[in-house]
Amino acid sequence: MRSIICGSNDEGEMISLTDEQIKKYAERFKEPEYYTAEEVENAIFIEVYTRDDEDEMEV
């Protein structure tokens, strides 16, 4: 699987990375990352927020 890393502008359009960003991400993703099914399952979560009577957010 291949990924594309790009920047975005104020309109949400994809733009090229700067030379500094290219260097940063080339180093960061030099080696592939592998995850077990258990690691993926443990990382998945959902947060649900509801409003209480005083209009404050609760978890």
N, C-alpha and C. Protein backbone atom coordinates (compact mmCIF):
# COMPACT_ATOMS: atom_id res chain seq x y z
N MET A 1 0.84 -1.17 0.00
CA MET A 1 0.00 0.00 0.00
C MET A 1 0.89 1.24 0.00
N ARG A 2 0.56 2.18 -0.83
CA ARG A 2 1.32 3.41 -0.91
C ARG A 2 0.49 4.57 -0.37
N SER A 3 1.19 5.54 0.18
CA SER A 3 0.52 6.73 0.71
C SER A 3 1.09 7.97 0.03
N ILE A 4 0.30 9.00 0.04
CA ILE A 4 0.74 10.29 -0.48
C ILE A 4 0.70 11.28 0.67
N ILE A 5 1.77 12.01 0.84
CA ILE A 5 1.82 13.07 1.85
C ILE A 5 1.90 14.38 1.10
N CYS A 6 0.97 15.28 1.42
CA CYS A 6 0.96 16.58 0.77
C CYS A 6 0.49 17.63 1.76
N GLY A 7 0.65 18.86 1.38
CA GLY A 7 0.14 19.96 2.18
C GLY A 7 -1.24 20.35 1.70
N SER A 8 -1.82 21.34 2.36
CA SER A 8 -3.10 21.89 1.89
C SER A 8 -3.10 23.39 2.11
N ASN A 9 -3.83 24.08 1.26
CA ASN A 9 -3.91 25.53 1.39
C ASN A 9 -5.20 25.92 2.13
N ASP A 10 -5.48 27.20 2.22
CA ASP A 10 -6.66 27.69 2.95
C ASP A 10 -7.98 27.23 2.33
N GLU A 11 -7.95 26.87 1.05
CA GLU A 11 -9.16 26.38 0.38
C GLU A 11 -9.30 24.87 0.48
N GLY A 12 -8.35 24.20 1.16
CA GLY A 12 -8.40 22.76 1.31
C GLY A 12 -7.85 21.99 0.12
N GLU A 13 -7.21 22.70 -0.80
CA GLU A 13 -6.62 22.05 -1.97
C GLU A 13 -5.26 21.46 -1.61
N MET A 14 -4.90 20.35 -2.28
CA MET A 14 -3.59 19.75 -2.05
C MET A 14 -2.52 20.62 -2.69
N ILE A 15 -1.41 20.81 -1.95
CA ILE A 15 -0.28 21.57 -2.47
C ILE A 15 1.00 20.80 -2.17
N SER A 16 2.07 21.17 -2.84
CA SER A 16 3.37 20.53 -2.64
C SER A 16 3.92 20.86 -1.25
N LEU A 17 4.74 19.94 -0.74
CA LEU A 17 5.43 20.18 0.52
C LEU A 17 6.65 21.06 0.27
N THR A 18 7.10 21.74 1.32
CA THR A 18 8.34 22.50 1.23
C THR A 18 9.50 21.50 1.27
N ASP A 19 10.69 21.95 0.90
CA ASP A 19 11.87 21.07 0.97
C ASP A 19 12.09 20.58 2.40
N GLU A 20 11.86 21.44 3.37
CA GLU A 20 12.02 21.07 4.78
C GLU A 20 11.01 19.98 5.17
N GLN A 21 9.76 20.12 4.74
CA GLN A 21 8.74 19.11 5.04
C GLN A 21 9.07 17.78 4.37
N ILE A 22 9.55 17.83 3.13
CA ILE A 22 9.92 16.60 2.42
C ILE A 22 11.01 15.86 3.20
N LYS A 23 12.02 16.59 3.66
CA LYS A 23 13.11 15.98 4.44
C LYS A 23 12.57 15.37 5.73
N LYS A 24 11.69 16.12 6.42
CA LYS A 24 11.12 15.64 7.68
C LYS A 24 10.35 14.34 7.49
N TYR A 25 9.45 14.30 6.52
CA TYR A 25 8.60 13.12 6.32
C TYR A 25 9.35 11.96 5.68
N ALA A 26 10.35 12.25 4.85
CA ALA A 26 11.18 11.17 4.28
C ALA A 26 11.89 10.43 5.40
N GLU A 27 12.39 11.17 6.38
CA GLU A 27 13.06 10.54 7.53
C GLU A 27 12.05 9.80 8.41
N ARG A 28 10.92 10.43 8.66
CA ARG A 28 9.89 9.84 9.54
C ARG A 28 9.37 8.51 9.00
N PHE A 29 9.19 8.40 7.70
CA PHE A 29 8.59 7.21 7.11
C PHE A 29 9.59 6.39 6.30
N LYS A 30 10.88 6.51 6.64
CA LYS A 30 11.92 5.76 5.93
C LYS A 30 11.70 4.25 6.04
N GLU A 31 11.34 3.79 7.22
CA GLU A 31 11.08 2.37 7.46
C GLU A 31 9.57 2.14 7.55
N PRO A 32 9.06 1.07 6.93
CA PRO A 32 7.62 0.80 7.02
C PRO A 32 7.20 0.46 8.45
N GLU A 33 6.00 0.82 8.78
CA GLU A 33 5.44 0.50 10.10
C GLU A 33 4.48 -0.66 9.96
N TYR A 34 4.53 -1.56 10.90
CA TYR A 34 3.65 -2.73 10.89
C TYR A 34 2.87 -2.77 12.19
N TYR A 35 1.60 -3.10 12.10
CA TYR A 35 0.73 -3.18 13.27
C TYR A 35 0.02 -4.52 13.27
N THR A 36 -0.11 -5.10 14.45
CA THR A 36 -0.87 -6.35 14.56
C THR A 36 -2.35 -6.01 14.58
N ALA A 37 -3.18 -7.01 14.30
CA ALA A 37 -4.63 -6.81 14.36
C ALA A 37 -5.04 -6.40 15.76
N GLU A 38 -4.38 -6.94 16.78
CA GLU A 38 -4.70 -6.59 18.16
C GLU A 38 -4.38 -5.12 18.45
N GLU A 39 -3.25 -4.62 17.95
CA GLU A 39 -2.90 -3.22 18.15
C GLU A 39 -3.93 -2.29 17.50
N VAL A 40 -4.37 -2.65 16.31
CA VAL A 40 -5.37 -1.85 15.62
C VAL A 40 -6.68 -1.87 16.40
N GLU A 41 -7.10 -3.05 16.82
CA GLU A 41 -8.35 -3.17 17.58
C GLU A 41 -8.30 -2.37 18.87
N ASN A 42 -7.16 -2.39 19.56
CA ASN A 42 -7.03 -1.66 20.82
C ASN A 42 -6.98 -0.15 20.62
N ALA A 43 -6.63 0.31 19.43
CA ALA A 43 -6.52 1.74 19.15
C ALA A 43 -7.85 2.35 18.71
N ILE A 44 -8.82 1.53 18.38
CA ILE A 44 -10.11 2.04 17.90
C ILE A 44 -10.99 2.38 19.09
N PHE A 45 -11.53 3.59 19.09
CA PHE A 45 -12.44 3.99 20.15
C PHE A 45 -13.40 5.05 19.63
N ILE A 46 -14.47 5.21 20.32
CA ILE A 46 -15.47 6.21 19.97
C ILE A 46 -15.79 7.01 21.23
N GLU A 47 -15.83 8.32 21.11
CA GLU A 47 -16.25 9.17 22.22
C GLU A 47 -17.61 9.75 21.87
N VAL A 48 -18.53 9.70 22.82
CA VAL A 48 -19.86 10.24 22.62
C VAL A 48 -20.06 11.36 23.65
N TYR A 49 -20.46 12.51 23.17
CA TYR A 49 -20.70 13.66 24.03
C TYR A 49 -22.20 13.98 24.02
N THR A 50 -22.73 14.26 25.19
CA THR A 50 -24.12 14.69 25.28
C THR A 50 -24.19 15.99 26.07
N ARG A 51 -25.24 16.74 25.86
CA ARG A 51 -25.42 17.99 26.60
C ARG A 51 -26.24 17.71 27.85
N ASP A 52 -25.79 18.29 28.97
CA ASP A 52 -26.60 18.15 30.18
C ASP A 52 -27.54 19.35 30.30
N ASP A 53 -28.31 19.43 31.37
CA ASP A 53 -29.30 20.47 31.52
C ASP A 53 -28.71 21.87 31.61
N GLU A 54 -27.44 21.99 32.03
CA GLU A 54 -26.84 23.31 32.18
C GLU A 54 -26.03 23.72 30.94
N ASP A 55 -26.23 23.03 29.83
CA ASP A 55 -25.61 23.35 28.56
C ASP A 55 -24.09 23.19 28.57
N GLU A 56 -23.57 22.27 29.41
CA GLU A 56 -22.15 21.96 29.43
C GLU A 56 -21.96 20.58 28.81
N MET A 57 -20.79 20.34 28.27
CA MET A 57 -20.53 19.05 27.63
C MET A 57 -20.07 18.03 28.68
N GLU A 58 -20.60 16.81 28.58
CA GLU A 58 -20.20 15.69 29.42
C GLU A 58 -19.64 14.60 28.54
N VAL A 59 -18.74 13.82 29.10
CA VAL A 59 -18.23 12.65 28.38
C VAL A 59 -18.96 11.43 28.87
